[in-house]
């Protein structure tokens, strides 16, 4: 996995996300209750105009998480395979980090992570009651509605990418973005509660 590189926004990202989510939706039709799952384009590539790593992040929220082996089986017809992280402590592979103020039980942070190197895409499968799943959607929507903050976030990401250039992966870059998230979280949560 290469170090983080931030590129200009690509207007093709949403179409790529829709296409990939369509394949995931078809594959997940084999799972009970699939018609009630939420299929979402998340992350920076889902915010028009925001520079990002050229990797499309997708999320599926479902009531309960099937075993990794079962999800791997149903995703076999898609380009997605299990992701294991670059290091044993890679963030966000088997579980998400608890955000300040979250009160859910630990099981709500479990996840299944898949990726498609060929499609430059990551698929996060989370429980419907995951506070982190809600956070990434609220953050995406807040950035869409606050272009000045989106530009600021891009500047921070570019600086962090430069700071961590040459590293064998982007784990430390990912962790470093947490300071920005911690700073804006009260604004994001207030905005989401009022929208």
Foldseek 3Di string as FASTA:
>chain_A
DAAADWDWADPCLVVLLVVQLVLLLVLCVPPPPSVVKDKDWFDQNLAPGFIGRPATEIEIAAADDDDLVVSQVSCVVHQKDFDCDPDVPQAPAQFHDDAPPDDDDRRQGGWTKIGHPVSRYIYIYGYPPRPVVVVRVLVRVVCNVPVVVSVVLSVLLNVLSVVCHPPRYHRVSVVVSVVVCNVCVVVSVVVVVVD
